[in-house]
Amino acid sequence: MSKVKSTVDRIDRLIGSIGEHPCAHLEAGYWRVQVEDQPVLGYVLRHRTELGDPFTFEIYADARNADGARIWLRREHSLNSAVAWMMQNSDRLVAFAARQAEAHAVTTHGESPGSRGVS
């Protein structure tokens, strides 16, 4: 086996081990979880505490806290588990994101709830 083929195989194994799911769209280091043209359910970020530790998959809401950071929700052992949990709780996640967006608009822009048009 050539050295190039061996390196490509190692890279394929490494990339393939991060997981994939039809509703998880890999972007710049995270997955955006969205079913077709429905609202985004949230984001999943692969994380490990120390080199050699197993990866965990951190779930974040499609919402931001007062400091502008994504809101952490939960940790799962695989991408599939994370996406499954998000899909099972999709109604709650979408409602939470909407409430957070409305609250953020009120605190940021001084608007009263309901004063913005729905797009």
C-alpha atoms as a PDB file:
ATOM      1  CA  MET A   1       0.000   0.000   0.000  1.00  0.00           C
ATOM      2  CA  SER A   2       1.372   3.401  -0.885  1.00  0.00           C
ATOM      3  CA  LYS A   3       2.019   6.004   1.769  1.00  0.00           C
ATOM      4  CA  VAL A   4      -0.498   8.367   0.143  1.00  0.00           C
ATOM      5  CA  LYS A   5      -3.239   5.703   0.142  1.00  0.00           C
ATOM      6  CA  SER A   6      -2.481   4.917   3.789  1.00  0.00           C
ATOM      7  CA  THR A   7      -2.734   8.594   4.747  1.00  0.00           C
ATOM      8  CA  VAL A   8      -5.986   9.023   2.829  1.00  0.00           C
ATOM      9  CA  ASP A   9      -7.444   5.949   4.550  1.00  0.00           C
ATOM     10  CA  ARG A  10      -6.493   7.331   7.977  1.00  0.00           C
ATOM     11  CA  ILE A  11      -8.085  10.682   7.146  1.00  0.00           C
ATOM     12  CA  ASP A  12     -11.242   8.952   5.880  1.00  0.00           C
ATOM     13  CA  ARG A  13     -11.494   6.954   9.114  1.00  0.00           C
ATOM     14  CA  LEU A  14     -10.990  10.102  11.167  1.00  0.00           C
ATOM     15  CA  ILE A  15     -13.556  12.127   9.228  1.00  0.00           C
ATOM     16  CA  GLY A  16     -16.004   9.236   9.080  1.00  0.00           C
ATOM     17  CA  SER A  17     -15.854   8.805  12.842  1.00  0.00           C
ATOM     18  CA  ILE A  18     -17.404  12.209  13.536  1.00  0.00           C
ATOM     19  CA  GLY A  19     -20.834  10.922  12.601  1.00  0.00           C
ATOM     20  CA  GLU A  20     -23.502  12.016  10.206  1.00  0.00           C
ATOM     21  CA  HIS A  21     -27.273  12.330  10.141  1.00  0.00           C
ATOM     22  CA  PRO A  22     -29.570  13.483   7.307  1.00  0.00           C
ATOM     23  CA  CYS A  23     -30.957  16.328   9.442  1.00  0.00           C
ATOM     24  CA  ALA A  24     -27.538  17.439  10.745  1.00  0.00           C
ATOM     25  CA  HIS A  25     -25.823  19.765   8.306  1.00  0.00           C
ATOM     26  CA  LEU A  26     -22.086  20.071   8.945  1.00  0.00           C
ATOM     27  CA  GLU A  27     -20.947  23.668   8.858  1.00  0.00           C
ATOM     28  CA  ALA A  28     -17.815  25.354  10.245  1.00  0.00           C
ATOM     29  CA  GLY A  29     -17.026  22.908  13.056  1.00  0.00           C
ATOM     30  CA  TYR A  30     -20.597  22.246  14.164  1.00  0.00           C
ATOM     31  CA  TRP A  31     -23.832  20.735  12.875  1.00  0.00           C
ATOM     32  CA  ARG A  32     -26.965  22.799  12.257  1.00  0.00           C
ATOM     33  CA  VAL A  33     -29.954  20.559  12.953  1.00  0.00           C
ATOM     34  CA  GLN A  34     -32.889  21.317  10.682  1.00  0.00           C
ATOM     35  CA  VAL A  35     -35.551  19.156   9.075  1.00  0.00           C
ATOM     36  CA  GLU A  36     -36.128  20.291   5.478  1.00  0.00           C
ATOM     37  CA  ASP A  37     -37.668  23.787   5.464  1.00  0.00           C
ATOM     38  CA  GLN A  38     -38.686  23.742   9.135  1.00  0.00           C
ATOM     39  CA  PRO A  39     -37.091  26.125  11.666  1.00  0.00           C
ATOM     40  CA  VAL A  40     -33.589  25.325  12.899  1.00  0.00           C
ATOM     41  CA  LEU A  41     -33.829  23.143  16.009  1.00  0.00           C
ATOM     42  CA  GLY A  42     -30.378  24.021  17.277  1.00  0.00           C
ATOM     43  CA  TYR A  43     -26.727  23.162  16.920  1.00  0.00           C
ATOM     44  CA  VAL A  44     -24.453  20.286  17.901  1.00  0.00           C
ATOM     45  CA  LEU A  45     -20.782  20.709  18.682  1.00  0.00           C
ATOM     46  CA  ARG A  46     -18.384  17.787  19.084  1.00  0.00           C
ATOM     47  CA  HIS A  47     -16.241  18.146  22.199  1.00  0.00           C
ATOM     48  CA  ARG A  48     -13.763  16.256  24.295  1.00  0.00           C
ATOM     49  CA  THR A  49     -12.212  17.378  27.534  1.00  0.00           C
ATOM     50  CA  GLU A  50      -8.735  15.945  27.046  1.00  0.00           C
ATOM     51  CA  LEU A  51      -6.819  14.374  24.204  1.00  0.00           C
ATOM     52  CA  GLY A  52      -7.681  10.684  24.166  1.00  0.00           C
ATOM     53  CA  ASP A  53     -11.011  11.143  25.945  1.00  0.00           C
ATOM     54  CA  PRO A  54     -14.110  10.061  24.029  1.00  0.00           C
ATOM     55  CA  PHE A  55     -15.995  12.765  22.186  1.00  0.00           C
ATOM     56  CA  THR A  56     -19.309  14.034  23.477  1.00  0.00           C
ATOM     57  CA  PHE A  57     -21.859  15.962  21.462  1.00  0.00           C
ATOM     58  CA  GLU A  58     -23.020  19.205  23.050  1.00  0.00           C
ATOM     59  CA  ILE A  59     -26.490  20.477  22.120  1.00  0.00           C
ATOM     60  CA  TYR A  60     -27.136  24.210  21.907  1.00  0.00           C
ATOM     61  CA  ALA A  61     -30.411  26.050  21.311  1.00  0.00           C
ATOM     62  CA  ASP A  62     -31.048  28.262  18.303  1.00  0.00           C
ATOM     63  CA  ALA A  63     -31.109  31.112  20.809  1.00  0.00           C
ATOM     64  CA  ARG A  64     -28.633  33.326  22.622  1.00  0.00           C
ATOM     65  CA  ASN A  65     -28.294  34.391  26.244  1.00  0.00           C
ATOM     66  CA  ALA A  66     -27.876  37.985  27.449  1.00  0.00           C
ATOM     67  CA  ASP A  67     -24.140  37.814  26.666  1.00  0.00           C
ATOM     68  CA  GLY A  68     -24.817  36.729  23.081  1.00  0.00           C
ATOM     69  CA  ALA A  69     -23.618  33.138  23.550  1.00  0.00           C
ATOM     70  CA  ARG A  70     -25.592  30.103  22.395  1.00  0.00           C
ATOM     71  CA  ILE A  71     -27.545  28.459  25.203  1.00  0.00           C
ATOM     72  CA  TRP A  72     -26.240  25.004  26.155  1.00  0.00           C
ATOM     73  CA  LEU A  73     -28.989  22.420  26.620  1.00  0.00           C
ATOM     74  CA  ARG A  74     -27.598  18.940  26.972  1.00  0.00           C
ATOM     75  CA  ARG A  75     -24.803  16.452  26.226  1.00  0.00           C
ATOM     76  CA  GLU A  76     -25.157  13.180  24.305  1.00  0.00           C
ATOM     77  CA  HIS A  77     -22.734  10.359  23.486  1.00  0.00           C
ATOM     78  CA  SER A  78     -23.275  10.460  19.706  1.00  0.00           C
ATOM     79  CA  LEU A  79     -24.441  12.774  16.955  1.00  0.00           C
ATOM     80  CA  ASN A  80     -27.396  10.476  16.249  1.00  0.00           C
ATOM     81  CA  SER A  81     -28.486  10.605  19.904  1.00  0.00           C
ATOM     82  CA  ALA A  82     -28.201  14.389  19.905  1.00  0.00           C
ATOM     83  CA  VAL A  83     -30.266  14.767  16.727  1.00  0.00           C
ATOM     84  CA  ALA A  84     -32.842  12.231  17.946  1.00  0.00           C
ATOM     85  CA  TRP A  85     -33.295  14.149  21.206  1.00  0.00           C
ATOM     86  CA  MET A  86     -33.673  17.412  19.299  1.00  0.00           C
ATOM     87  CA  MET A  87     -36.261  15.934  16.941  1.00  0.00           C
ATOM     88  CA  GLN A  88     -38.226  14.429  19.847  1.00  0.00           C
ATOM     89  CA  ASN A  89     -38.267  17.856  21.512  1.00  0.00           C
ATOM     90  CA  SER A  90     -38.634  19.941  18.347  1.00  0.00           C
ATOM     91  CA  ASP A  91     -41.816  21.754  19.419  1.00  0.00           C
ATOM     92  CA  ARG A  92     -40.237  22.769  22.716  1.00  0.00           C
ATOM     93  CA  LEU A  93     -36.974  23.854  21.053  1.00  0.00           C
ATOM     94  CA  VAL A  94     -38.704  26.029  18.446  1.00  0.00           C
ATOM     95  CA  ALA A  95     -40.949  27.620  21.105  1.00  0.00           C
ATOM     96  CA  PHE A  96     -37.936  28.270  23.361  1.00  0.00           C
ATOM     97  CA  ALA A  97     -35.991  29.914  20.521  1.00  0.00           C
ATOM     98  CA  ALA A  98     -38.992  32.119  19.684  1.00  0.00           C
ATOM     99  CA  ARG A  99     -39.394  33.207  23.324  1.00  0.00           C
ATOM    100  CA  GLN A 100     -35.675  33.981  23.591  1.00  0.00           C
ATOM    101  CA  ALA A 101     -35.720  35.991  20.356  1.00  0.00           C
ATOM    102  CA  GLU A 102     -38.706  38.006  21.566  1.00  0.00           C
ATOM    103  CA  ALA A 103     -37.095  38.637  24.969  1.00  0.00           C
ATOM    104  CA  HIS A 104     -33.830  39.620  23.281  1.00  0.00           C
ATOM    105  CA  ALA A 105     -35.681  42.084  21.033  1.00  0.00           C
ATOM    106  CA  VAL A 106     -37.335  43.674  24.064  1.00  0.00           C
ATOM    107  CA  THR A 107     -34.094  44.061  26.023  1.00  0.00           C
ATOM    108  CA  THR A 108     -31.988  45.104  23.034  1.00  0.00           C
ATOM    109  CA  HIS A 109     -34.340  47.397  21.171  1.00  0.00           C
ATOM    110  CA  GLY A 110     -36.773  48.433  23.893  1.00  0.00           C
ATOM    111  CA  GLU A 111     -39.670  47.065  21.872  1.00  0.00           C
ATOM    112  CA  SER A 112     -42.720  45.719  23.601  1.00  0.00           C
ATOM    113  CA  PRO A 113     -43.637  42.079  22.950  1.00  0.00           C
ATOM    114  CA  GLY A 114     -45.731  41.761  19.825  1.00  0.00           C
ATOM    115  CA  SER A 115     -44.706  45.138  18.382  1.00  0.00           C
ATOM    116  CA  ARG A 116     -42.566  43.537  15.702  1.00  0.00           C
ATOM    117  CA  GLY A 117     -44.090  42.126  12.544  1.00  0.00           C
ATOM    118  CA  VAL A 118     -43.949  38.402  11.981  1.00  0.00           C
ATOM    119  CA  SER A 119     -41.867  37.378   9.003  1.00  0.00           C
END
